[in-house]
């Protein structure tokens, strides 16, 4: 159970970091290098639907509805 909460807070921290870097739309999406996060971490966040990935391998938090942003 502790592992679940640790993973959840790590995800929240990483999503917050992506938002702080300004990657909040497809137009402002950033590469893993620009975000300072490993590609494996970003791919996991895409898989759990916390963030989205563009066709050219950039990542962003979808804030079009402003929910949670």
N, C-alpha and C. Protein backbone atom coordinates (compact mmCIF):
# COMPACT_ATOMS: atom_id res chain seq x y z
N UNK A 1 0.83 -1.20 0.00
CA UNK A 1 0.00 0.00 0.00
C UNK A 1 0.87 1.26 0.00
N UNK A 2 1.93 1.23 0.76
CA UNK A 2 2.83 2.37 0.81
C UNK A 2 3.41 2.64 -0.58
N UNK A 3 3.73 1.56 -1.32
CA UNK A 3 4.29 1.71 -2.65
C UNK A 3 3.31 2.42 -3.58
N UNK A 4 2.01 2.14 -3.42
CA UNK A 4 1.00 2.79 -4.24
C UNK A 4 1.03 4.30 -4.02
N UNK A 5 1.02 4.72 -2.76
CA UNK A 5 1.01 6.15 -2.47
C UNK A 5 2.30 6.82 -2.89
N UNK A 6 3.42 6.14 -2.73
CA UNK A 6 4.69 6.71 -3.17
C UNK A 6 4.68 6.92 -4.67
N UNK A 7 4.16 5.94 -5.43
CA UNK A 7 4.07 6.08 -6.88
C UNK A 7 3.13 7.18 -7.29
N UNK A 8 2.01 7.31 -6.58
CA UNK A 8 1.03 8.35 -6.89
C UNK A 8 1.64 9.73 -6.71
N UNK A 9 2.33 9.95 -5.61
CA UNK A 9 2.92 11.27 -5.35
C UNK A 9 4.07 11.57 -6.30
N UNK A 10 4.80 10.54 -6.71
CA UNK A 10 5.85 10.74 -7.70
C UNK A 10 5.23 11.18 -9.03
N UNK A 11 4.13 10.55 -9.43
CA UNK A 11 3.43 10.95 -10.66
C UNK A 11 2.96 12.39 -10.56
N UNK A 12 2.35 12.76 -9.45
CA UNK A 12 1.86 14.14 -9.27
C UNK A 12 3.01 15.12 -9.35
N UNK A 13 4.15 14.78 -8.74
CA UNK A 13 5.32 15.67 -8.77
C UNK A 13 5.82 15.85 -10.20
N UNK A 14 5.87 14.76 -10.95
CA UNK A 14 6.35 14.85 -12.33
C UNK A 14 5.39 15.65 -13.21
N UNK A 15 4.09 15.47 -13.04
CA UNK A 15 3.10 16.23 -13.81
C UNK A 15 3.22 17.71 -13.46
N UNK A 16 3.40 18.02 -12.18
CA UNK A 16 3.57 19.41 -11.76
C UNK A 16 4.80 20.03 -12.42
N UNK A 17 5.88 19.27 -12.49
CA UNK A 17 7.11 19.77 -13.11
C UNK A 17 6.87 20.07 -14.59
N UNK A 18 6.13 19.22 -15.27
CA UNK A 18 5.83 19.43 -16.69
C UNK A 18 5.01 20.71 -16.86
N UNK A 19 4.03 20.93 -16.00
CA UNK A 19 3.23 22.16 -16.05
C UNK A 19 4.10 23.38 -15.80
N UNK A 20 4.98 23.29 -14.80
CA UNK A 20 5.85 24.42 -14.47
C UNK A 20 6.79 24.78 -15.62
N UNK A 21 7.14 23.80 -16.42
CA UNK A 21 8.00 24.06 -17.59
C UNK A 21 7.19 24.66 -18.74
N UNK A 22 5.87 24.76 -18.58
CA UNK A 22 5.03 25.40 -19.59
C UNK A 22 4.49 24.48 -20.66
N UNK A 23 4.63 23.18 -20.48
CA UNK A 23 4.15 22.21 -21.47
C UNK A 23 2.69 21.86 -21.17
N UNK A 24 1.78 22.77 -21.55
CA UNK A 24 0.38 22.61 -21.19
C UNK A 24 -0.55 22.53 -22.41
N UNK A 25 0.04 22.40 -23.58
CA UNK A 25 -0.76 22.22 -24.80
C UNK A 25 0.12 21.57 -25.86
N UNK A 26 -0.50 21.16 -26.93
CA UNK A 26 0.25 20.56 -28.03
C UNK A 26 1.27 21.56 -28.60
N UNK A 27 0.89 22.84 -28.63
CA UNK A 27 1.79 23.88 -29.16
C UNK A 27 2.98 24.16 -28.26
N UNK A 28 2.84 23.95 -26.95
CA UNK A 28 3.92 24.24 -26.01
C UNK A 28 4.61 22.98 -25.50
N UNK A 29 4.32 21.84 -26.10
CA UNK A 29 4.91 20.56 -25.68
C UNK A 29 6.43 20.61 -25.74
N UNK A 30 7.08 19.84 -24.88
CA UNK A 30 8.54 19.84 -24.77
C UNK A 30 9.10 18.42 -24.85
N UNK A 31 10.36 18.34 -25.22
CA UNK A 31 11.05 17.05 -25.28
C UNK A 31 11.44 16.61 -23.87
N UNK A 32 11.84 15.36 -23.74
CA UNK A 32 12.25 14.87 -22.43
C UNK A 32 13.46 15.64 -21.92
N UNK A 33 14.35 16.03 -22.81
CA UNK A 33 15.54 16.80 -22.41
C UNK A 33 15.12 18.18 -21.87
N UNK A 34 14.19 18.82 -22.55
CA UNK A 34 13.71 20.14 -22.10
C UNK A 34 12.99 20.05 -20.76
N UNK A 35 12.31 18.94 -20.53
CA UNK A 35 11.58 18.76 -19.28
C UNK A 35 12.47 18.27 -18.15
N UNK A 36 13.61 17.71 -18.49
CA UNK A 36 14.52 17.19 -17.47
C UNK A 36 14.02 15.91 -16.82
N UNK A 37 13.24 15.14 -17.58
CA UNK A 37 12.71 13.87 -17.08
C UNK A 37 13.10 12.75 -18.04
N UNK A 38 13.38 11.56 -17.50
CA UNK A 38 13.72 10.43 -18.37
C UNK A 38 12.55 10.07 -19.29
N UNK A 39 12.89 9.64 -20.49
CA UNK A 39 11.87 9.25 -21.46
C UNK A 39 10.99 8.13 -20.91
N UNK A 40 11.56 7.20 -20.17
CA UNK A 40 10.80 6.10 -19.60
C UNK A 40 9.71 6.62 -18.65
N UNK A 41 10.04 7.61 -17.86
CA UNK A 41 9.07 8.23 -16.95
C UNK A 41 7.94 8.87 -17.74
N UNK A 42 8.29 9.60 -18.78
CA UNK A 42 7.28 10.27 -19.60
C UNK A 42 6.38 9.26 -20.31
N UNK A 43 6.97 8.19 -20.82
CA UNK A 43 6.17 7.16 -21.48
C UNK A 43 5.19 6.51 -20.50
N UNK A 44 5.63 6.31 -19.25
CA UNK A 44 4.73 5.77 -18.24
C UNK A 44 3.58 6.73 -17.98
N UNK A 45 3.87 8.03 -17.87
CA UNK A 45 2.82 9.03 -17.64
C UNK A 45 1.84 9.08 -18.81
N UNK A 46 2.32 8.85 -20.03
CA UNK A 46 1.42 8.76 -21.19
C UNK A 46 0.55 7.52 -21.04
N UNK A 47 1.15 6.40 -20.66
CA UNK A 47 0.44 5.14 -20.54
C UNK A 47 -0.69 5.22 -19.51
N UNK A 48 -0.46 5.92 -18.38
CA UNK A 48 -1.50 6.06 -17.36
C UNK A 48 -2.39 7.27 -17.62
N UNK A 49 -2.19 7.91 -18.77
CA UNK A 49 -3.03 9.01 -19.25
C UNK A 49 -2.94 10.29 -18.41
N UNK A 50 -1.79 10.50 -17.75
CA UNK A 50 -1.57 11.75 -17.02
C UNK A 50 -1.13 12.86 -17.97
N UNK A 51 -0.42 12.49 -19.04
CA UNK A 51 0.06 13.46 -20.02
C UNK A 51 -0.19 12.90 -21.42
N UNK A 52 0.08 13.74 -22.42
CA UNK A 52 -0.06 13.31 -23.81
C UNK A 52 1.27 13.47 -24.54
N UNK A 53 1.37 12.77 -25.68
CA UNK A 53 2.59 12.77 -26.48
C UNK A 53 2.23 13.19 -27.90
N UNK A 54 3.06 14.04 -28.48
CA UNK A 54 2.84 14.47 -29.86
C UNK A 54 3.49 13.49 -30.82
N UNK A 55 3.20 13.66 -32.10
CA UNK A 55 3.77 12.79 -33.12
C UNK A 55 5.29 12.91 -33.20
N UNK A 56 5.81 14.09 -32.82
CA UNK A 56 7.26 14.30 -32.88
C UNK A 56 7.94 14.12 -31.51
N UNK A 57 7.34 13.28 -30.66
CA UNK A 57 7.93 12.88 -29.37
C UNK A 57 8.15 14.03 -28.40
N UNK A 58 7.17 14.90 -28.31
CA UNK A 58 7.17 15.94 -27.28
C UNK A 58 5.99 15.64 -26.36
N UNK A 59 6.07 16.13 -25.13
CA UNK A 59 5.10 15.76 -24.10
C UNK A 59 4.45 17.01 -23.50
N UNK A 60 3.18 16.84 -23.06
CA UNK A 60 2.48 17.96 -22.45
C UNK A 60 1.31 17.47 -21.60
N UNK A 61 0.89 18.34 -20.68
CA UNK A 61 -0.32 18.10 -19.89
C UNK A 61 -1.44 18.79 -20.65
N UNK A 62 -2.51 18.08 -20.92
CA UNK A 62 -3.61 18.64 -21.69
C UNK A 62 -4.45 19.53 -20.79
N UNK A 63 -4.29 20.84 -20.94
CA UNK A 63 -4.99 21.80 -20.09
C UNK A 63 -6.07 22.56 -20.84
N UNK A 64 -6.56 22.02 -21.94
CA UNK A 64 -7.54 22.76 -22.74
C UNK A 64 -8.84 23.00 -21.97
N UNK A 65 -9.18 22.10 -21.06
CA UNK A 65 -10.40 22.33 -20.27
C UNK A 65 -10.09 23.03 -18.94
N UNK A 66 -8.83 23.35 -18.71
CA UNK A 66 -8.34 24.03 -17.50
C UNK A 66 -8.60 23.26 -16.22
N UNK A 67 -8.99 22.02 -16.33
CA UNK A 67 -9.24 21.18 -15.16
C UNK A 67 -7.90 20.68 -14.63
N UNK A 68 -7.58 21.06 -13.43
CA UNK A 68 -6.34 20.63 -12.81
C UNK A 68 -5.11 21.38 -13.26
N UNK A 69 -5.31 22.49 -13.96
CA UNK A 69 -4.15 23.27 -14.43
C UNK A 69 -4.09 24.63 -13.79
